[in-house]
Amino acid sequence: MTNKTMGEPVHLALPEGWPVPHPGCKVCGALAAERERAQASGDLSKVSDCNVEIREHKDAHPRRQR
């Protein structure tokens, strides 16, 4: 006999906010502009792609020392 009970509930986190482009970086600026155009045209998949690219690209920027 197979078990027909439901499994444990799935808990999902809220999506992260939009990453902020690194000031003065041309790549981040271009990705942010592309993201704005994508949002204006309703292409939410492209918005998400741009957010991922900005987030990953920001890892290449040096961190400020405190």
N, C-alpha and C. Protein backbone atom coordinates (compact mmCIF):
# COMPACT_ATOMS: atom_id res chain seq x y z
N MET A 1 0.84 -1.18 0.00
CA MET A 1 0.00 0.00 0.00
C MET A 1 0.89 1.25 0.00
N THR A 2 0.56 2.21 -0.85
CA THR A 2 1.36 3.43 -0.93
C THR A 2 0.83 4.49 0.03
N ASN A 3 1.73 5.31 0.50
CA ASN A 3 1.38 6.39 1.42
C ASN A 3 0.76 7.54 0.63
N LYS A 4 -0.44 7.95 0.95
CA LYS A 4 -1.14 9.00 0.21
C LYS A 4 -1.27 10.27 1.03
N THR A 5 -0.49 10.40 2.07
CA THR A 5 -0.54 11.63 2.88
C THR A 5 0.35 12.69 2.25
N MET A 6 0.04 13.93 2.60
CA MET A 6 0.84 15.04 2.06
C MET A 6 2.18 15.11 2.79
N GLY A 7 3.18 15.60 2.08
CA GLY A 7 4.49 15.80 2.68
C GLY A 7 4.52 17.07 3.50
N GLU A 8 5.69 17.37 4.01
CA GLU A 8 5.88 18.59 4.80
C GLU A 8 5.67 19.82 3.93
N PRO A 9 5.23 20.94 4.51
CA PRO A 9 5.02 22.16 3.72
C PRO A 9 6.36 22.72 3.22
N VAL A 10 6.30 23.40 2.11
CA VAL A 10 7.48 24.04 1.54
C VAL A 10 7.45 25.51 1.94
N HIS A 11 8.56 26.01 2.46
CA HIS A 11 8.66 27.40 2.87
C HIS A 11 9.57 28.13 1.89
N LEU A 12 9.01 29.12 1.20
CA LEU A 12 9.77 29.89 0.23
C LEU A 12 10.07 31.27 0.79
N ALA A 13 11.26 31.75 0.52
CA ALA A 13 11.64 33.10 0.95
C ALA A 13 11.14 34.12 -0.07
N LEU A 14 11.03 35.35 0.36
CA LEU A 14 10.68 36.41 -0.58
C LEU A 14 11.85 36.62 -1.54
N PRO A 15 11.57 37.01 -2.77
CA PRO A 15 12.67 37.25 -3.71
C PRO A 15 13.52 38.43 -3.24
N GLU A 16 14.79 38.37 -3.58
CA GLU A 16 15.70 39.46 -3.22
C GLU A 16 15.32 40.72 -3.98
N GLY A 17 15.62 41.86 -3.40
CA GLY A 17 15.39 43.12 -4.09
C GLY A 17 16.37 43.29 -5.24
N TRP A 18 16.13 44.31 -6.04
CA TRP A 18 17.03 44.56 -7.16
C TRP A 18 18.40 44.95 -6.66
N PRO A 19 19.46 44.37 -7.24
CA PRO A 19 20.81 44.76 -6.83
C PRO A 19 21.11 46.17 -7.31
N VAL A 20 21.86 46.90 -6.52
CA VAL A 20 22.24 48.28 -6.87
C VAL A 20 23.54 48.22 -7.67
N PRO A 21 23.57 48.87 -8.84
CA PRO A 21 24.79 48.87 -9.65
C PRO A 21 25.94 49.57 -8.91
N HIS A 22 27.14 49.09 -9.12
CA HIS A 22 28.32 49.70 -8.51
C HIS A 22 28.53 51.09 -9.12
N PRO A 23 28.67 52.12 -8.29
CA PRO A 23 28.83 53.48 -8.82
C PRO A 23 30.05 53.61 -9.75
N GLY A 24 29.84 54.20 -10.89
CA GLY A 24 30.94 54.45 -11.83
C GLY A 24 31.31 53.28 -12.73
N CYS A 25 30.69 52.12 -12.55
CA CYS A 25 31.01 50.96 -13.38
C CYS A 25 30.14 50.99 -14.64
N LYS A 26 30.79 51.01 -15.79
CA LYS A 26 30.06 51.07 -17.06
C LYS A 26 29.25 49.80 -17.30
N VAL A 27 29.78 48.65 -16.91
CA VAL A 27 29.06 47.38 -17.10
C VAL A 27 27.79 47.36 -16.25
N CYS A 28 27.93 47.72 -14.98
CA CYS A 28 26.76 47.75 -14.10
C CYS A 28 25.73 48.76 -14.62
N GLY A 29 26.21 49.91 -15.07
CA GLY A 29 25.31 50.94 -15.59
C GLY A 29 24.55 50.47 -16.82
N ALA A 30 25.24 49.78 -17.72
CA ALA A 30 24.60 49.27 -18.94
C ALA A 30 23.57 48.20 -18.59
N LEU A 31 23.89 47.34 -17.64
CA LEU A 31 22.95 46.30 -17.23
C LEU A 31 21.72 46.91 -16.55
N ALA A 32 21.93 47.95 -15.76
CA ALA A 32 20.81 48.63 -15.09
C ALA A 32 19.91 49.30 -16.12
N ALA A 33 20.50 49.92 -17.15
CA ALA A 33 19.70 50.55 -18.20
C ALA A 33 18.91 49.50 -18.98
N GLU A 34 19.54 48.37 -19.26
CA GLU A 34 18.86 47.28 -19.97
C GLU A 34 17.71 46.74 -19.11
N ARG A 35 17.93 46.65 -17.82
CA ARG A 35 16.90 46.19 -16.90
C ARG A 35 15.70 47.14 -16.90
N GLU A 36 15.96 48.44 -16.91
CA GLU A 36 14.88 49.43 -16.94
C GLU A 36 14.06 49.31 -18.23
N ARG A 37 14.75 49.13 -19.37
CA ARG A 37 14.04 48.97 -20.65
C ARG A 37 13.19 47.69 -20.63
N ALA A 38 13.75 46.63 -20.07
CA ALA A 38 13.02 45.37 -20.00
C ALA A 38 11.78 45.51 -19.13
N GLN A 39 11.90 46.20 -18.01
CA GLN A 39 10.75 46.40 -17.14
C GLN A 39 9.68 47.23 -17.84
N ALA A 40 10.11 48.27 -18.54
CA ALA A 40 9.16 49.15 -19.24
C ALA A 40 8.39 48.39 -20.32
N SER A 41 9.04 47.40 -20.94
CA SER A 41 8.37 46.64 -22.00
C SER A 41 7.64 45.40 -21.46
N GLY A 42 7.74 45.17 -20.14
CA GLY A 42 7.04 44.03 -19.54
C GLY A 42 7.77 42.72 -19.64
N ASP A 43 9.06 42.75 -19.99
CA ASP A 43 9.86 41.52 -20.12
C ASP A 43 10.49 41.19 -18.77
N LEU A 44 9.69 40.58 -17.90
CA LEU A 44 10.16 40.30 -16.54
C LEU A 44 11.25 39.24 -16.49
N SER A 45 11.29 38.36 -17.49
CA SER A 45 12.36 37.37 -17.57
C SER A 45 13.70 38.07 -17.78
N LYS A 46 13.71 39.07 -18.66
CA LYS A 46 14.94 39.83 -18.93
C LYS A 46 15.33 40.65 -17.70
N VAL A 47 14.34 41.19 -16.99
CA VAL A 47 14.62 41.92 -15.75
C VAL A 47 15.37 41.01 -14.78
N SER A 48 14.86 39.79 -14.63
CA SER A 48 15.50 38.82 -13.74
C SER A 48 16.91 38.49 -14.21
N ASP A 49 17.08 38.30 -15.52
CA ASP A 49 18.41 38.01 -16.07
C ASP A 49 19.39 39.14 -15.75
N CYS A 50 18.94 40.37 -15.93
CA CYS A 50 19.81 41.53 -15.66
C CYS A 50 20.16 41.60 -14.17
N ASN A 51 19.19 41.32 -13.31
CA ASN A 51 19.47 41.32 -11.88
C ASN A 51 20.54 40.30 -11.52
N VAL A 52 20.44 39.12 -12.10
CA VAL A 52 21.44 38.08 -11.84
C VAL A 52 22.82 38.54 -12.34
N GLU A 53 22.86 39.11 -13.54
CA GLU A 53 24.14 39.57 -14.08
C GLU A 53 24.75 40.67 -13.23
N ILE A 54 23.95 41.62 -12.79
CA ILE A 54 24.47 42.70 -11.93
C ILE A 54 24.97 42.12 -10.62
N ARG A 55 24.19 41.23 -10.02
CA ARG A 55 24.59 40.63 -8.74
C ARG A 55 25.90 39.86 -8.89
N GLU A 56 26.04 39.09 -9.96
CA GLU A 56 27.27 38.31 -10.15
C GLU A 56 28.43 39.21 -10.55
N HIS A 57 28.18 40.24 -11.35
CA HIS A 57 29.25 41.14 -11.77
C HIS A 57 29.78 41.95 -10.59
N LYS A 58 28.90 42.31 -9.66
CA LYS A 58 29.33 43.09 -8.51
C LYS A 58 30.38 42.36 -7.69
N ASP A 59 30.41 41.04 -7.77
CA ASP A 59 31.42 40.28 -7.03
C ASP A 59 32.83 40.59 -7.53
N ALA A 60 32.94 41.12 -8.75
CA ALA A 60 34.25 41.46 -9.31
C ALA A 60 34.77 42.79 -8.77
N HIS A 61 33.89 43.60 -8.17
CA HIS A 61 34.31 44.89 -7.63
C HIS A 61 34.98 44.70 -6.27
N PRO A 62 36.05 45.45 -6.03
CA PRO A 62 36.70 45.32 -4.72
C PRO A 62 35.80 45.82 -3.60
N ARG A 63 35.87 45.18 -2.48
CA ARG A 63 35.09 45.59 -1.32
C ARG A 63 35.81 46.74 -0.62
N ARG A 64 35.02 47.66 -0.07
CA ARG A 64 35.60 48.76 0.68
C ARG A 64 36.14 48.26 2.01
N GLN A 65 37.33 48.68 2.37
CA GLN A 65 37.91 48.32 3.66
C GLN A 65 37.37 49.27 4.72
N ARG A 66 37.09 48.74 5.89
CA ARG A 66 36.59 49.59 6.98
C ARG A 66 37.70 49.96 7.91
